[in-house]
Amino acid sequence: MSGPEDSPAQPDEFEQIARLYRPLTRGAPEALGLLDDAAVIPQRPGFDLVVTKDALVEGVHFPVGEALDLVARKLLRTNLSDLAAMGAAPYGYFLAVAWPSGTNLAARELFAEGLRFDGEAFDLSLLGGDTVSTSGPMVASLTLLGWVPQGRAVRRSGARPGDLVMVSGPIGDGWLGLKAVMGELGDPDGYLAERYRLPRPRLDLIEPLRDQASACADISDGLVADAGHIARASGVVLRLDLDRMPLSPAGAAWLARQPDRRQALITLATSGDDYELVLTAPPGASDRLGLSVIGMVEAGEGVQALIDGRPAPTGPGGWTHT
């Protein structure tokens, strides 16, 4: 793990690596004590190595001034959600951070503490990475590795006509949580803000997914958009009944206050940052998975959203960076 020298007023790059990041390896031999510029990953016979990468940009993916331990934990969790969607068990990660010029050591320590906390919670070790300085906003990027039994990764391309469409949990809490964090929505018990700041990757579902699901994606861009990724990869239509979307009590209470229920349902279905899973599976798998059924897979292309049995226009269906 390497990076440019920082101000003489704080430890140099190698001292920071030793102090902040070496403990995050948790003694993993693959990390080589962060003394080299690369890690050595041993093979695991009978398994495929799954690799995913996500980045968070200050002012885009988290508010300016957000507590940096929470930023670090969200960075880990968003990547873990990608592994969960493929049925892969997490293994280790590589980190890259672009620190705005003048970022003090206390801020960097807080970020490292967030990584330490969730690294222990999810049994993850830092294997390497890089730190640099930037004149722009903070950018943190993480590359996460996971293992899945050979040939059993759950992909987006396996949905078939006749499959059911399911989701693993409440939809819309991420968007409502952002509104709560920005002070635009009441959140007396802090539930919504926590759902935005600390998503809950559905690692509890990785084995059932491998056994039962035909296709899966995590809901980061929005339910409709991510269902669309499955539809496109599989060459099918996913018909979504938005009246059947599961909502948290906070989400249901927000919906009940909206003057236009139809538009409010579309908003929830096209908002991002939920980090639940949308998946398809044969009808016989429904009871075994125990998830909310919200639609069907049919022949055709794309996503068709319905409310009260009528088509509901959803535009692009969620967040894009274009």
C-alpha atoms as a PDB file:
ATOM      1  CA  MET A   1       0.000   0.000   0.000  1.00  0.00           C
ATOM      2  CA  SER A   2       1.625   3.218  -1.116  1.00  0.00           C
ATOM      3  CA  GLY A   3       0.847   6.927  -1.360  1.00  0.00           C
ATOM      4  CA  PRO A   4       2.407  10.384  -1.544  1.00  0.00           C
ATOM      5  CA  GLU A   5       3.994  12.058   1.425  1.00  0.00           C
ATOM      6  CA  ASP A   6       1.709  14.176   3.551  1.00  0.00           C
ATOM      7  CA  SER A   7       2.371  17.368   5.432  1.00  0.00           C
ATOM      8  CA  PRO A   8       5.375  17.222   7.803  1.00  0.00           C
ATOM      9  CA  ALA A   9       2.930  18.086  10.587  1.00  0.00           C
ATOM     10  CA  GLN A  10       1.597  14.550  10.595  1.00  0.00           C
ATOM     11  CA  PRO A  11       3.077  11.067  10.131  1.00  0.00           C
ATOM     12  CA  ASP A  12       4.432  10.339   6.667  1.00  0.00           C
ATOM     13  CA  GLU A  13       2.885   7.785   4.337  1.00  0.00           C
ATOM     14  CA  PHE A  14       4.728   4.769   5.720  1.00  0.00           C
ATOM     15  CA  GLU A  15       4.000   5.693   9.330  1.00  0.00           C
ATOM     16  CA  GLN A  16       0.328   6.159   8.474  1.00  0.00           C
ATOM     17  CA  ILE A  17       0.220   2.785   6.744  1.00  0.00           C
ATOM     18  CA  ALA A  18       1.754   1.133   9.799  1.00  0.00           C
ATOM     19  CA  ARG A  19      -0.486   2.979  12.238  1.00  0.00           C
ATOM     20  CA  LEU A  20      -3.835   3.122  10.440  1.00  0.00           C
ATOM     21  CA  TYR A  21      -3.915   0.299   7.924  1.00  0.00           C
ATOM     22  CA  ARG A  22      -1.625  -2.535   8.963  1.00  0.00           C
ATOM     23  CA  PRO A  23      -3.924  -3.430  11.897  1.00  0.00           C
ATOM     24  CA  LEU A  24      -6.771  -3.802   9.364  1.00  0.00           C
ATOM     25  CA  THR A  25      -4.999  -6.763   7.750  1.00  0.00           C
ATOM     26  CA  ARG A  26      -5.813  -8.686  10.929  1.00  0.00           C
ATOM     27  CA  GLY A  27      -2.618 -10.648  10.341  1.00  0.00           C
ATOM     28  CA  ALA A  28      -3.727 -12.014   6.965  1.00  0.00           C
ATOM     29  CA  PRO A  29      -0.605 -13.559   5.418  1.00  0.00           C
ATOM     30  CA  GLU A  30      -1.804 -12.574   1.917  1.00  0.00           C
ATOM     31  CA  ALA A  31      -1.302  -8.888   2.805  1.00  0.00           C
ATOM     32  CA  LEU A  32       2.440  -9.400   3.430  1.00  0.00           C
ATOM     33  CA  GLY A  33       2.262  -6.882   6.255  1.00  0.00           C
ATOM     34  CA  LEU A  34       1.556  -4.136   3.673  1.00  0.00           C
ATOM     35  CA  LEU A  35       5.303  -4.009   3.116  1.00  0.00           C
ATOM     36  CA  ASP A  36       5.009  -4.753  -0.604  1.00  0.00           C
ATOM     37  CA  ASP A  37       3.033  -3.077  -3.373  1.00  0.00           C
ATOM     38  CA  ALA A  38       0.930  -6.164  -4.062  1.00  0.00           C
ATOM     39  CA  ALA A  39      -0.724  -9.052  -2.251  1.00  0.00           C
ATOM     40  CA  VAL A  40      -0.370 -12.755  -2.954  1.00  0.00           C
ATOM     41  CA  ILE A  41      -3.719 -14.583  -3.153  1.00  0.00           C
ATOM     42  CA  PRO A  42      -3.569 -18.385  -2.864  1.00  0.00           C
ATOM     43  CA  GLN A  43      -5.832 -20.550  -4.983  1.00  0.00           C
ATOM     44  CA  ARG A  44      -8.834 -22.275  -3.403  1.00  0.00           C
ATOM     45  CA  PRO A  45      -9.572 -25.512  -5.248  1.00  0.00           C
ATOM     46  CA  GLY A  46     -13.235 -25.993  -6.089  1.00  0.00           C
ATOM     47  CA  PHE A  47     -14.110 -22.297  -5.831  1.00  0.00           C
ATOM     48  CA  ASP A  48     -14.332 -19.295  -8.145  1.00  0.00           C
ATOM     49  CA  LEU A  49     -12.915 -15.949  -7.035  1.00  0.00           C
ATOM     50  CA  VAL A  50     -15.520 -13.173  -7.332  1.00  0.00           C
ATOM     51  CA  VAL A  51     -14.223  -9.589  -7.562  1.00  0.00           C
ATOM     52  CA  THR A  52     -16.312  -6.422  -7.227  1.00  0.00           C
ATOM     53  CA  LYS A  53     -15.443  -2.736  -6.979  1.00  0.00           C
ATOM     54  CA  ASP A  54     -17.366   0.339  -5.850  1.00  0.00           C
ATOM     55  CA  ALA A  55     -16.436   3.941  -5.152  1.00  0.00           C
ATOM     56  CA  LEU A  56     -17.989   6.659  -2.983  1.00  0.00           C
ATOM     57  CA  VAL A  57     -17.535  10.333  -3.835  1.00  0.00           C
ATOM     58  CA  GLU A  58     -18.124  13.063  -1.265  1.00  0.00           C
ATOM     59  CA  GLY A  59     -21.093  15.195  -2.227  1.00  0.00           C
ATOM     60  CA  VAL A  60     -22.425  12.488  -4.570  1.00  0.00           C
ATOM     61  CA  HIS A  61     -22.688   9.268  -2.558  1.00  0.00           C
ATOM     62  CA  PHE A  62     -22.488  10.791   0.914  1.00  0.00           C
ATOM     63  CA  PRO A  63     -23.076  14.317   2.219  1.00  0.00           C
ATOM     64  CA  VAL A  64     -20.200  16.736   2.718  1.00  0.00           C
ATOM     65  CA  GLY A  65     -19.208  16.562   6.375  1.00  0.00           C
ATOM     66  CA  GLU A  66     -20.519  13.027   6.946  1.00  0.00           C
ATOM     67  CA  ALA A  67     -18.774  11.163   9.783  1.00  0.00           C
ATOM     68  CA  LEU A  68     -15.906   9.301   8.134  1.00  0.00           C
ATOM     69  CA  ASP A  69     -16.301   6.107  10.140  1.00  0.00           C
ATOM     70  CA  LEU A  70     -19.808   5.820   8.679  1.00  0.00           C
ATOM     71  CA  VAL A  71     -18.448   6.511   5.176  1.00  0.00           C
ATOM     72  CA  ALA A  72     -15.931   3.684   5.591  1.00  0.00           C
ATOM     73  CA  ARG A  73     -18.559   1.270   6.821  1.00  0.00           C
ATOM     74  CA  LYS A  74     -20.938   2.132   3.977  1.00  0.00           C
ATOM     75  CA  LEU A  75     -18.096   1.600   1.494  1.00  0.00           C
ATOM     76  CA  LEU A  76     -17.565  -1.931   2.794  1.00  0.00           C
ATOM     77  CA  ARG A  77     -21.264  -2.710   2.937  1.00  0.00           C
ATOM     78  CA  THR A  78     -22.127  -1.561  -0.585  1.00  0.00           C
ATOM     79  CA  ASN A  79     -19.440  -3.878  -1.926  1.00  0.00           C
ATOM     80  CA  LEU A  80     -20.615  -6.712   0.295  1.00  0.00           C
ATOM     81  CA  SER A  81     -24.080  -6.319  -1.227  1.00  0.00           C
ATOM     82  CA  ASP A  82     -22.611  -7.033  -4.679  1.00  0.00           C
ATOM     83  CA  LEU A  83     -21.076 -10.262  -3.374  1.00  0.00           C
ATOM     84  CA  ALA A  84     -24.322 -11.265  -1.677  1.00  0.00           C
ATOM     85  CA  ALA A  85     -26.188 -10.898  -4.977  1.00  0.00           C
ATOM     86  CA  MET A  86     -23.858 -13.449  -6.574  1.00  0.00           C
ATOM     87  CA  GLY A  87     -23.981 -15.895  -3.671  1.00  0.00           C
ATOM     88  CA  ALA A  88     -20.322 -15.279  -2.777  1.00  0.00           C
ATOM     89  CA  ALA A  89     -18.810 -15.316   0.710  1.00  0.00           C
ATOM     90  CA  PRO A  90     -16.533 -12.313   1.435  1.00  0.00           C
ATOM     91  CA  TYR A  91     -12.805 -12.882   1.721  1.00  0.00           C
ATOM     92  CA  GLY A  92     -10.729  -9.659   1.750  1.00  0.00           C
ATOM     93  CA  TYR A  93     -10.434  -6.216   0.204  1.00  0.00           C
ATOM     94  CA  PHE A  94      -8.173  -3.630  -1.398  1.00  0.00           C
ATOM     95  CA  LEU A  95      -8.628   0.055  -0.575  1.00  0.00           C
ATOM     96  CA  ALA A  96      -7.853   3.293  -2.393  1.00  0.00           C
ATOM     97  CA  VAL A  97      -8.526   6.714  -0.862  1.00  0.00           C
ATOM     98  CA  ALA A  98      -8.009  10.157  -2.383  1.00  0.00           C
ATOM     99  CA  TRP A  99      -7.790  12.518   0.591  1.00  0.00           C
ATOM    100  CA  PRO A 100      -8.534  16.218   0.051  1.00  0.00           C
ATOM    101  CA  SER A 101      -5.442  18.312   0.734  1.00  0.00           C
ATOM    102  CA  GLY A 102      -5.263  19.281   4.386  1.00  0.00           C
ATOM    103  CA  THR A 103      -7.221  16.307   5.737  1.00  0.00           C
ATOM    104  CA  ASN A 104      -5.884  15.849   9.252  1.00  0.00           C
ATOM    105  CA  LEU A 105      -4.782  12.653  10.932  1.00  0.00           C
ATOM    106  CA  ALA A 106      -7.829  12.530  13.214  1.00  0.00           C
ATOM    107  CA  ALA A 107     -10.139  12.318  10.196  1.00  0.00           C
ATOM    108  CA  ARG A 108      -8.055   9.547   8.666  1.00  0.00           C
ATOM    109  CA  GLU A 109      -8.040   7.679  11.966  1.00  0.00           C
ATOM    110  CA  LEU A 110     -11.836   7.884  12.133  1.00  0.00           C
ATOM    111  CA  PHE A 111     -12.108   6.431   8.629  1.00  0.00           C
ATOM    112  CA  ALA A 112      -9.755   3.585   9.577  1.00  0.00           C
ATOM    113  CA  GLU A 113     -11.795   2.940  12.721  1.00  0.00           C
ATOM    114  CA  GLY A 114     -14.915   2.431  10.598  1.00  0.00           C
ATOM    115  CA  LEU A 115     -13.046  -0.087   8.456  1.00  0.00           C
ATOM    116  CA  ARG A 116     -11.786  -1.850  11.574  1.00  0.00           C
ATOM    117  CA  PHE A 117     -15.254  -2.066  13.117  1.00  0.00           C
ATOM    118  CA  ASP A 118     -16.989  -3.569  10.099  1.00  0.00           C
ATOM    119  CA  GLY A 119     -13.921  -5.583   9.116  1.00  0.00           C
ATOM    120  CA  GLU A 120     -14.329  -7.456  12.374  1.00  0.00           C
ATOM    121  CA  ALA A 121     -18.120  -7.629  12.053  1.00  0.00           C
ATOM    122  CA  PHE A 122     -17.919  -9.213   8.587  1.00  0.00           C
ATOM    123  CA  ASP A 123     -14.629 -11.094   9.087  1.00  0.00           C
ATOM    124  CA  LEU A 124     -12.794  -9.087   6.417  1.00  0.00           C
ATOM    125  CA  SER A 125      -9.086  -8.294   6.133  1.00  0.00           C
ATOM    126  CA  LEU A 126      -7.390  -5.483   4.241  1.00  0.00           C
ATOM    127  CA  LEU A 127      -4.995  -6.964   1.679  1.00  0.00           C
ATOM    128  CA  GLY A 128      -3.504  -3.816   0.128  1.00  0.00           C
ATOM    129  CA  GLY A 129      -4.279  -0.575  -1.630  1.00  0.00           C
ATOM    130  CA  ASP A 130      -3.198   3.015  -2.110  1.00  0.00           C
ATOM    131  CA  THR A 131      -3.629   6.507  -0.654  1.00  0.00           C
ATOM    132  CA  VAL A 132      -3.236   9.751  -2.588  1.00  0.00           C
ATOM    133  CA  SER A 133      -3.975  13.459  -2.187  1.00  0.00           C
ATOM    134  CA  THR A 134      -6.474  15.413  -4.269  1.00  0.00           C
ATOM    135  CA  SER A 135      -7.577  19.007  -4.756  1.00  0.00           C
ATOM    136  CA  GLY A 136     -11.153  17.778  -5.194  1.00  0.00           C
ATOM    137  CA  PRO A 137     -13.627  15.983  -2.936  1.00  0.00           C
ATOM    138  CA  MET A 138     -12.785  12.841  -1.030  1.00  0.00           C
ATOM    139  CA  VAL A 139     -13.036   9.659  -3.087  1.00  0.00           C
ATOM    140  CA  ALA A 140     -12.868   6.199  -1.520  1.00  0.00           C
ATOM    141  CA  SER A 141     -12.800   3.061  -3.634  1.00  0.00           C
ATOM    142  CA  LEU A 142     -12.815  -0.530  -2.492  1.00  0.00           C
ATOM    143  CA  THR A 143     -12.193  -3.767  -4.368  1.00  0.00           C
ATOM    144  CA  LEU A 144     -13.722  -6.741  -2.581  1.00  0.00           C
ATOM    145  CA  LEU A 145     -12.925 -10.399  -3.130  1.00  0.00           C
ATOM    146  CA  GLY A 146     -15.196 -13.323  -2.371  1.00  0.00           C
ATOM    147  CA  TRP A 147     -15.385 -17.079  -2.943  1.00  0.00           C
ATOM    148  CA  VAL A 148     -18.243 -19.044  -4.449  1.00  0.00           C
ATOM    149  CA  PRO A 149     -18.326 -22.790  -5.167  1.00  0.00           C
ATOM    150  CA  GLN A 150     -17.101 -23.353  -8.704  1.00  0.00           C
ATOM    151  CA  GLY A 151     -19.736 -22.672 -11.347  1.00  0.00           C
ATOM    152  CA  ARG A 152     -22.407 -21.653  -8.821  1.00  0.00           C
ATOM    153  CA  ALA A 153     -22.238 -17.859  -8.881  1.00  0.00           C
ATOM    154  CA  VAL A 154     -25.745 -16.401  -9.232  1.00  0.00           C
ATOM    155  CA  ARG A 155     -25.750 -14.229 -12.326  1.00  0.00           C
ATOM    156  CA  ARG A 156     -28.201 -11.751 -13.823  1.00  0.00           C
ATOM    157  CA  SER A 157     -28.633 -13.795 -16.976  1.00  0.00           C
ATOM    158  CA  GLY A 158     -30.519 -16.817 -15.636  1.00  0.00           C
ATOM    159  CA  ALA A 159     -34.123 -15.560 -15.397  1.00  0.00           C
ATOM    160  CA  ARG A 160     -36.639 -17.572 -17.444  1.00  0.00           C
ATOM    161  CA  PRO A 161     -40.335 -17.057 -18.322  1.00  0.00           C
ATOM    162  CA  GLY A 162     -42.465 -18.489 -15.527  1.00  0.00           C
ATOM    163  CA  ASP A 163     -40.056 -17.499 -12.757  1.00  0.00           C
ATOM    164  CA  LEU A 164     -41.299 -15.352  -9.900  1.00  0.00           C
ATOM    165  CA  VAL A 165     -39.730 -11.980  -9.070  1.00  0.00           C
ATOM    166  CA  MET A 166     -38.923 -11.450  -5.399  1.00  0.00           C
ATOM    167  CA  VAL A 167     -37.252  -8.872  -3.185  1.00  0.00           C
ATOM    168  CA  SER A 168     -35.460  -9.508   0.075  1.00  0.00           C
ATOM    169  CA  GLY A 169     -36.710  -6.560   2.125  1.00  0.00           C
ATOM    170  CA  PRO A 170     -38.277  -3.084   2.283  1.00  0.00           C
ATOM    171  CA  ILE A 171     -37.987  -0.807  -0.729  1.00  0.00           C
ATOM    172  CA  GLY A 172     -37.445   2.955  -0.584  1.00  0.00           C
ATOM    173  CA  ASP A 173     -35.818   3.245   2.839  1.00  0.00           C
ATOM    174  CA  GLY A 174     -32.482   4.325   1.337  1.00  0.00           C
ATOM    175  CA  TRP A 175     -34.031   7.322  -0.436  1.00  0.00           C
ATOM    176  CA  LEU A 176     -36.196   8.220   2.555  1.00  0.00           C
ATOM    177  CA  GLY A 177     -33.094   7.885   4.739  1.00  0.00           C
ATOM    178  CA  LEU A 178     -31.210  10.386   2.584  1.00  0.00           C
ATOM    179  CA  LYS A 179     -34.084  12.834   2.975  1.00  0.00           C
ATOM    180  CA  ALA A 180     -33.898  12.290   6.732  1.00  0.00           C
ATOM    181  CA  VAL A 181     -30.124  12.864   6.771  1.00  0.00           C
ATOM    182  CA  MET A 182     -30.616  16.086   4.788  1.00  0.00           C
ATOM    183  CA  GLY A 183     -33.238  17.301   7.275  1.00  0.00           C
ATOM    184  CA  GLU A 184     -36.077  17.062   4.747  1.00  0.00           C
ATOM    185  CA  LEU A 185     -38.023  14.309   6.512  1.00  0.00           C
ATOM    186  CA  GLY A 186     -38.793  13.581  10.135  1.00  0.00           C
ATOM    187  CA  ASP A 187     -37.053  10.502  11.534  1.00  0.00           C
ATOM    188  CA  PRO A 188     -37.679  10.434  15.292  1.00  0.00           C
ATOM    189  CA  ASP A 189     -36.091   7.053  15.989  1.00  0.00           C
ATOM    190  CA  GLY A 190     -33.257   7.405  13.460  1.00  0.00           C
ATOM    191  CA  TYR A 191     -34.286   4.272  11.574  1.00  0.00           C
ATOM    192  CA  LEU A 192     -34.324   5.821   8.116  1.00  0.00           C
ATOM    193  CA  ALA A 193     -31.019   7.648   8.508  1.00  0.00           C
ATOM    194  CA  GLU A 194     -29.378   4.418   9.612  1.00  0.00           C
ATOM    195  CA  ARG A 195     -30.787   2.557   6.610  1.00  0.00           C
ATOM    196  CA  TYR A 196     -29.153   5.146   4.342  1.00  0.00           C
ATOM    197  CA  ARG A 197     -25.856   5.374   6.192  1.00  0.00           C
ATOM    198  CA  LEU A 198     -25.414   1.707   7.074  1.00  0.00           C
ATOM    199  CA  PRO A 199     -27.050  -0.593   4.528  1.00  0.00           C
ATOM    200  CA  ARG A 200     -27.413  -4.224   5.543  1.00  0.00           C
ATOM    201  CA  PRO A 201     -25.864  -6.510   2.921  1.00  0.00           C
ATOM    202  CA  ARG A 202     -27.929  -9.692   2.644  1.00  0.00           C
ATOM    203  CA  LEU A 203     -25.098 -12.130   3.241  1.00  0.00           C
ATOM    204  CA  ASP A 204     -27.581 -14.273   5.155  1.00  0.00           C
ATOM    205  CA  LEU A 205     -29.094 -15.253   1.801  1.00  0.00           C
ATOM    206  CA  ILE A 206     -26.005 -16.401  -0.096  1.00  0.00           C
ATOM    207  CA  GLU A 207     -26.595 -20.134   0.362  1.00  0.00           C
ATOM    208  CA  PRO A 208     -30.361 -20.045  -0.345  1.00  0.00           C
ATOM    209  CA  LEU A 209     -29.649 -17.918  -3.427  1.00  0.00           C
ATOM    210  CA  ARG A 210     -27.169 -20.445  -4.794  1.00  0.00           C
ATOM    211  CA  ASP A 211     -29.712 -23.215  -4.249  1.00  0.00           C
ATOM    212  CA  GLN A 212     -32.897 -21.501  -5.439  1.00  0.00           C
ATOM    213  CA  ALA A 213     -32.394 -18.290  -7.455  1.00  0.00           C
ATOM    214  CA  SER A 214     -32.134 -18.183 -11.241  1.00  0.00           C
ATOM    215  CA  ALA A 215     -30.888 -14.563 -11.332  1.00  0.00           C
ATOM    216  CA  CYS A 216     -30.170 -11.780  -8.841  1.00  0.00           C
ATOM    217  CA  ALA A 217     -29.022  -8.163  -8.518  1.00  0.00           C
ATOM    218  CA  ASP A 218     -28.608  -5.892  -5.545  1.00  0.00           C
ATOM    219  CA  ILE A 219     -30.827  -2.813  -5.401  1.00  0.00           C
ATOM    220  CA  SER A 220     -28.373   0.057  -5.496  1.00  0.00           C
ATOM    221  CA  ASP A 221     -29.709   2.151  -8.405  1.00  0.00           C
ATOM    222  CA  GLY A 222     -33.404   1.495  -7.732  1.00  0.00           C
ATOM    223  CA  LEU A 223     -35.728  -1.526  -7.827  1.00  0.00           C
ATOM    224  CA  VAL A 224     -36.933  -0.893 -11.385  1.00  0.00           C
ATOM    225  CA  ALA A 225     -33.449  -0.116 -12.713  1.00  0.00           C
ATOM    226  CA  ASP A 226     -31.849  -3.163 -11.122  1.00  0.00           C
ATOM    227  CA  ALA A 227     -34.707  -5.429 -12.197  1.00  0.00           C
ATOM    228  CA  GLY A 228     -33.992  -4.016 -15.632  1.00  0.00           C
ATOM    229  CA  HIS A 229     -30.386  -5.246 -15.411  1.00  0.00           C
ATOM    230  CA  ILE A 230     -31.737  -8.779 -14.910  1.00  0.00           C
ATOM    231  CA  ALA A 231     -34.252  -8.381 -17.736  1.00  0.00           C
ATOM    232  CA  ARG A 232     -31.588  -7.146 -20.139  1.00  0.00           C
ATOM    233  CA  ALA A 233     -29.049  -9.832 -19.239  1.00  0.00           C
ATOM    234  CA  SER A 234     -31.656 -12.609 -19.419  1.00  0.00           C
ATOM    235  CA  GLY A 235     -33.562 -11.381 -22.477  1.00  0.00           C
ATOM    236  CA  VAL A 236     -36.946 -11.408 -20.711  1.00  0.00           C
ATOM    237  CA  VAL A 237     -39.612  -9.109 -19.275  1.00  0.00           C
ATOM    238  CA  LEU A 238     -39.912  -8.624 -15.531  1.00  0.00           C
ATOM    239  CA  ARG A 239     -43.470  -7.586 -14.646  1.00  0.00           C
ATOM    240  CA  LEU A 240     -43.429  -5.792 -11.301  1.00  0.00           C
ATOM    241  CA  ASP A 241     -46.569  -5.187  -9.246  1.00  0.00           C
ATOM    242  CA  LEU A 242     -45.530  -2.108  -7.271  1.00  0.00           C
ATOM    243  CA  ASP A 243     -48.560  -2.478  -4.971  1.00  0.00           C
ATOM    244  CA  ARG A 244     -46.834  -5.603  -3.619  1.00  0.00           C
ATOM    245  CA  MET A 245     -43.510  -3.952  -2.775  1.00  0.00           C
ATOM    246  CA  PRO A 246     -42.645  -4.565   0.884  1.00  0.00           C
ATOM    247  CA  LEU A 247     -42.329  -1.351   2.876  1.00  0.00           C
ATOM    248  CA  SER A 248     -40.965  -0.703   6.337  1.00  0.00           C
ATOM    249  CA  PRO A 249     -43.329   0.869   8.890  1.00  0.00           C
ATOM    250  CA  ALA A 250     -41.558   4.185   8.258  1.00  0.00           C
ATOM    251  CA  GLY A 251     -41.937   3.767   4.499  1.00  0.00           C
ATOM    252  CA  ALA A 252     -45.606   2.837   4.806  1.00  0.00           C
ATOM    253  CA  ALA A 253     -46.232   5.858   7.029  1.00  0.00           C
ATOM    254  CA  TRP A 254     -44.584   8.146   4.459  1.00  0.00           C
ATOM    255  CA  LEU A 255     -46.654   6.630   1.654  1.00  0.00           C
ATOM    256  CA  ALA A 256     -49.882   7.137   3.602  1.00  0.00           C
ATOM    257  CA  ARG A 257     -49.138  10.875   3.839  1.00  0.00           C
ATOM    258  CA  GLN A 258     -48.651  11.382   0.097  1.00  0.00           C
ATOM    259  CA  PRO A 259     -51.475  12.992  -1.898  1.00  0.00           C
ATOM    260  CA  ASP A 260     -50.585  11.024  -5.034  1.00  0.00           C
ATOM    261  CA  ARG A 261     -50.125   7.390  -4.002  1.00  0.00           C
ATOM    262  CA  ARG A 262     -49.379   6.264  -7.547  1.00  0.00           C
ATOM    263  CA  GLN A 263     -46.518   8.719  -8.037  1.00  0.00           C
ATOM    264  CA  ALA A 264     -45.218   7.993  -4.538  1.00  0.00           C
ATOM    265  CA  LEU A 265     -44.982   4.257  -5.304  1.00  0.00           C
ATOM    266  CA  ILE A 266     -43.074   5.043  -8.498  1.00  0.00           C
ATOM    267  CA  THR A 267     -40.701   7.246  -6.511  1.00  0.00           C
ATOM    268  CA  LEU A 268     -39.959   4.474  -4.015  1.00  0.00           C
ATOM    269  CA  ALA A 269     -39.503   1.909  -6.792  1.00  0.00           C
ATOM    270  CA  THR A 270     -37.031   4.100  -8.680  1.00  0.00           C
ATOM    271  CA  SER A 271     -34.983   5.379  -5.747  1.00  0.00           C
ATOM    272  CA  GLY A 272     -31.652   3.790  -4.885  1.00  0.00           C
ATOM    273  CA  ASP A 273     -29.442   2.900  -1.931  1.00  0.00           C
ATOM    274  CA  ASP A 274     -31.687   0.131  -0.557  1.00  0.00           C
ATOM    275  CA  TYR A 275     -29.084  -2.646  -0.946  1.00  0.00           C
ATOM    276  CA  GLU A 276     -31.739  -5.314  -0.705  1.00  0.00           C
ATOM    277  CA  LEU A 277     -31.813  -7.970  -3.438  1.00  0.00           C
ATOM    278  CA  VAL A 278     -34.158  -8.399  -6.408  1.00  0.00           C
ATOM    279  CA  LEU A 279     -34.130 -11.942  -7.713  1.00  0.00           C
ATOM    280  CA  THR A 280     -35.949 -14.446  -9.856  1.00  0.00           C
ATOM    281  CA  ALA A 281     -36.652 -18.080  -9.006  1.00  0.00           C
ATOM    282  CA  PRO A 282     -38.969 -20.891 -10.116  1.00  0.00           C
ATOM    283  CA  PRO A 283     -42.376 -20.872  -8.396  1.00  0.00           C
ATOM    284  CA  GLY A 284     -41.451 -23.877  -6.251  1.00  0.00           C
ATOM    285  CA  ALA A 285     -38.645 -21.888  -4.620  1.00  0.00           C
ATOM    286  CA  SER A 286     -40.941 -19.206  -3.228  1.00  0.00           C
ATOM    287  CA  ASP A 287     -41.783 -20.938   0.045  1.00  0.00           C
ATOM    288  CA  ARG A 288     -38.202 -22.081   0.587  1.00  0.00           C
ATOM    289  CA  LEU A 289     -36.798 -18.570   0.149  1.00  0.00           C
ATOM    290  CA  GLY A 290     -39.511 -16.909   2.211  1.00  0.00           C
ATOM    291  CA  LEU A 291     -39.184 -13.575   0.395  1.00  0.00           C
ATOM    292  CA  SER A 292     -41.759 -11.100  -0.897  1.00  0.00           C
ATOM    293  CA  VAL A 293     -43.089 -11.995  -4.351  1.00  0.00           C
ATOM    294  CA  ILE A 294     -43.698  -8.852  -6.412  1.00  0.00           C
ATOM    295  CA  GLY A 295     -44.034 -10.101  -9.977  1.00  0.00           C
ATOM    296  CA  MET A 296     -43.435 -12.566 -12.778  1.00  0.00           C
ATOM    297  CA  VAL A 297     -40.942 -13.196 -15.567  1.00  0.00           C
ATOM    298  CA  GLU A 298     -42.414 -13.355 -19.048  1.00  0.00           C
ATOM    299  CA  ALA A 299     -41.178 -13.556 -22.624  1.00  0.00           C
ATOM    300  CA  GLY A 300     -40.125 -10.224 -24.097  1.00  0.00           C
ATOM    301  CA  GLU A 301     -37.749  -7.451 -23.106  1.00  0.00           C
ATOM    302  CA  GLY A 302     -37.423  -4.952 -20.281  1.00  0.00           C
ATOM    303  CA  VAL A 303     -39.430  -4.126 -17.162  1.00  0.00           C
ATOM    304  CA  GLN A 304     -43.149  -3.451 -16.957  1.00  0.00           C
ATOM    305  CA  ALA A 305     -44.240  -1.789 -13.736  1.00  0.00           C
ATOM    306  CA  LEU A 306     -47.893  -1.975 -12.718  1.00  0.00           C
ATOM    307  CA  ILE A 307     -49.958  -0.138 -10.099  1.00  0.00           C
ATOM    308  CA  ASP A 308     -53.561  -1.193  -9.552  1.00  0.00           C
ATOM    309  CA  GLY A 309     -53.101  -3.461 -12.549  1.00  0.00           C
ATOM    310  CA  ARG A 310     -52.325  -0.554 -14.888  1.00  0.00           C
ATOM    311  CA  PRO A 311     -48.949   0.302 -16.472  1.00  0.00           C
ATOM    312  CA  ALA A 312     -46.937   2.812 -14.450  1.00  0.00           C
ATOM    313  CA  PRO A 313     -44.353   4.861 -16.379  1.00  0.00           C
ATOM    314  CA  THR A 314     -41.030   4.784 -14.498  1.00  0.00           C
ATOM    315  CA  GLY A 315     -38.657   6.560 -16.899  1.00  0.00           C
ATOM    316  CA  PRO A 316     -35.083   5.226 -16.618  1.00  0.00           C
ATOM    317  CA  GLY A 317     -36.118   3.383 -13.446  1.00  0.00           C
ATOM    318  CA  GLY A 318     -33.445   4.686 -11.124  1.00  0.00           C
ATOM    319  CA  TRP A 319     -30.093   6.376 -10.681  1.00  0.00           C
ATOM    320  CA  THR A 320     -27.556   6.603 -13.495  1.00  0.00           C
ATOM    321  CA  HIS A 321     -24.197   8.393 -13.720  1.00  0.00           C
ATOM    322  CA  THR A 322     -24.668   9.528 -17.317  1.00  0.00           C
END
